[in-house]
N, C-alpha and C. Protein backbone atom coordinates (compact mmCIF):
# COMPACT_ATOMS: atom_id res chain seq x y z
N MET A 1 73.73 129.84 89.68
CA MET A 1 73.20 128.50 89.66
C MET A 1 74.00 127.68 88.64
N ALA A 2 74.37 126.45 88.98
CA ALA A 2 75.17 125.60 88.09
C ALA A 2 74.31 125.03 86.97
N LYS A 3 74.96 124.88 85.83
CA LYS A 3 74.27 124.28 84.70
C LYS A 3 74.19 122.77 84.89
N LYS A 4 73.25 122.15 84.20
CA LYS A 4 72.99 120.73 84.40
C LYS A 4 74.17 119.84 84.00
N ASN A 5 74.84 120.10 82.89
CA ASN A 5 75.92 119.24 82.39
C ASN A 5 77.31 119.77 82.72
N GLU A 6 77.41 120.78 83.54
CA GLU A 6 78.70 121.40 83.81
C GLU A 6 79.65 120.46 84.56
N GLY A 7 79.17 119.72 85.53
CA GLY A 7 80.02 118.84 86.32
C GLY A 7 80.64 117.72 85.52
N PHE A 8 79.91 117.16 84.59
CA PHE A 8 80.43 116.06 83.79
C PHE A 8 81.62 116.49 82.95
N HIS A 9 81.54 117.66 82.33
CA HIS A 9 82.64 118.12 81.48
C HIS A 9 83.90 118.38 82.29
N SER A 10 83.75 118.99 83.45
CA SER A 10 84.94 119.27 84.25
C SER A 10 85.53 117.97 84.81
N ALA A 11 84.70 117.03 85.19
CA ALA A 11 85.21 115.75 85.69
C ALA A 11 85.91 114.98 84.58
N ALA A 12 85.39 115.02 83.38
CA ALA A 12 86.02 114.32 82.26
C ALA A 12 87.40 114.91 81.98
N GLY A 13 87.53 116.21 82.10
CA GLY A 13 88.83 116.85 81.90
C GLY A 13 89.83 116.44 82.96
N LEU A 14 89.39 116.36 84.21
CA LEU A 14 90.29 115.92 85.28
C LEU A 14 90.71 114.48 85.10
N ILE A 15 89.78 113.63 84.72
CA ILE A 15 90.11 112.22 84.50
C ILE A 15 91.13 112.10 83.37
N ARG A 16 90.92 112.83 82.29
CA ARG A 16 91.84 112.79 81.16
C ARG A 16 93.22 113.31 81.59
N TYR A 17 93.26 114.36 82.44
CA TYR A 17 94.52 114.94 82.90
C TYR A 17 95.29 113.94 83.76
N PHE A 18 94.62 113.29 84.70
CA PHE A 18 95.31 112.38 85.60
C PHE A 18 95.63 111.04 84.94
N ASP A 19 94.93 110.66 83.89
CA ASP A 19 95.23 109.42 83.20
C ASP A 19 96.48 109.52 82.34
N SER A 20 96.78 110.71 81.85
CA SER A 20 97.94 110.86 80.97
C SER A 20 99.18 111.08 81.83
N GLU A 21 100.08 110.11 81.81
CA GLU A 21 101.32 110.21 82.56
C GLU A 21 102.45 110.57 81.61
N ASP A 22 103.31 111.45 82.06
CA ASP A 22 104.45 111.85 81.25
C ASP A 22 105.56 110.83 81.43
N GLU A 23 105.97 110.22 80.34
CA GLU A 23 107.02 109.19 80.41
C GLU A 23 108.38 109.81 80.76
N LYS A 24 108.55 111.10 80.54
CA LYS A 24 109.82 111.76 80.84
C LYS A 24 109.90 112.22 82.29
N ALA A 25 108.80 112.14 83.01
CA ALA A 25 108.78 112.59 84.40
C ALA A 25 109.63 111.67 85.26
N PRO A 26 110.34 112.23 86.23
CA PRO A 26 111.16 111.38 87.09
C PRO A 26 110.29 110.50 87.98
N LYS A 27 110.70 109.28 88.16
CA LYS A 27 109.99 108.34 89.01
C LYS A 27 110.75 108.22 90.33
N ILE A 28 110.09 108.53 91.44
CA ILE A 28 110.72 108.47 92.75
C ILE A 28 110.12 107.27 93.49
N PRO A 29 110.97 106.33 93.88
CA PRO A 29 110.46 105.16 94.61
C PRO A 29 109.87 105.56 95.96
N ALA A 30 108.85 104.84 96.38
CA ALA A 30 108.19 105.14 97.66
C ALA A 30 109.17 104.99 98.83
N LEU A 31 110.06 104.04 98.75
CA LEU A 31 111.04 103.84 99.82
C LEU A 31 111.96 105.05 99.97
N ALA A 32 112.32 105.68 98.87
CA ALA A 32 113.18 106.87 98.93
C ALA A 32 112.45 108.03 99.61
N VAL A 33 111.17 108.18 99.34
CA VAL A 33 110.39 109.24 99.97
C VAL A 33 110.28 108.97 101.47
N LEU A 34 110.01 107.74 101.85
CA LEU A 34 109.89 107.37 103.25
C LEU A 34 111.21 107.56 103.99
N ALA A 35 112.30 107.13 103.39
CA ALA A 35 113.61 107.27 104.01
C ALA A 35 113.98 108.74 104.18
N THR A 36 113.68 109.56 103.19
CA THR A 36 113.96 110.99 103.27
C THR A 36 113.16 111.63 104.40
N ALA A 37 111.90 111.25 104.54
CA ALA A 37 111.06 111.80 105.60
C ALA A 37 111.60 111.41 106.98
N ILE A 38 112.02 110.17 107.13
CA ILE A 38 112.55 109.71 108.42
C ILE A 38 113.86 110.43 108.75
N ILE A 39 114.74 110.54 107.77
CA ILE A 39 116.02 111.23 107.99
C ILE A 39 115.78 112.70 108.33
N LEU A 40 114.88 113.34 107.63
CA LEU A 40 114.57 114.74 107.92
C LEU A 40 114.00 114.90 109.33
N ALA A 41 113.14 113.98 109.75
CA ALA A 41 112.59 114.05 111.10
C ALA A 41 113.69 113.89 112.15
N ILE A 42 114.64 113.01 111.91
CA ILE A 42 115.76 112.82 112.84
C ILE A 42 116.61 114.08 112.91
N VAL A 43 116.90 114.67 111.77
CA VAL A 43 117.70 115.90 111.73
C VAL A 43 116.99 117.03 112.49
N VAL A 44 115.69 117.16 112.30
CA VAL A 44 114.93 118.21 112.99
C VAL A 44 114.94 117.97 114.49
N GLU A 45 114.75 116.73 114.92
CA GLU A 45 114.76 116.43 116.35
C GLU A 45 116.14 116.66 116.96
N LEU A 46 117.19 116.30 116.24
CA LEU A 46 118.55 116.56 116.73
C LEU A 46 118.82 118.05 116.84
N ALA A 47 118.38 118.81 115.87
CA ALA A 47 118.57 120.26 115.90
C ALA A 47 117.79 120.86 117.08
N HIS A 48 116.59 120.36 117.31
CA HIS A 48 115.78 120.84 118.44
C HIS A 48 116.48 120.52 119.76
N TYR A 49 117.02 119.32 119.87
CA TYR A 49 117.72 118.91 121.09
C TYR A 49 118.97 119.77 121.30
N MET A 50 119.74 119.98 120.25
CA MET A 50 120.98 120.77 120.36
C MET A 50 120.68 122.23 120.67
N TRP A 51 119.59 122.75 120.14
CA TRP A 51 119.24 124.16 120.32
C TRP A 51 118.88 124.44 121.78
N HIS A 52 118.26 123.48 122.45
CA HIS A 52 117.78 123.69 123.81
C HIS A 52 118.74 123.15 124.88
N MET A 53 119.97 122.91 124.53
CA MET A 53 120.95 122.45 125.53
C MET A 53 121.43 123.59 126.37
């Protein structure tokens, strides 16, 4: 059985974890992620097409 105040402490820890951003972490622009996904999808489709020729 869960304790009465257990959820609050774990939620506070998660909030504190996600609020602290590392300034040294690499920042990846959303456009770069989208472009990479599109290019990867094209490569996979081309490979699928070439494989079944």
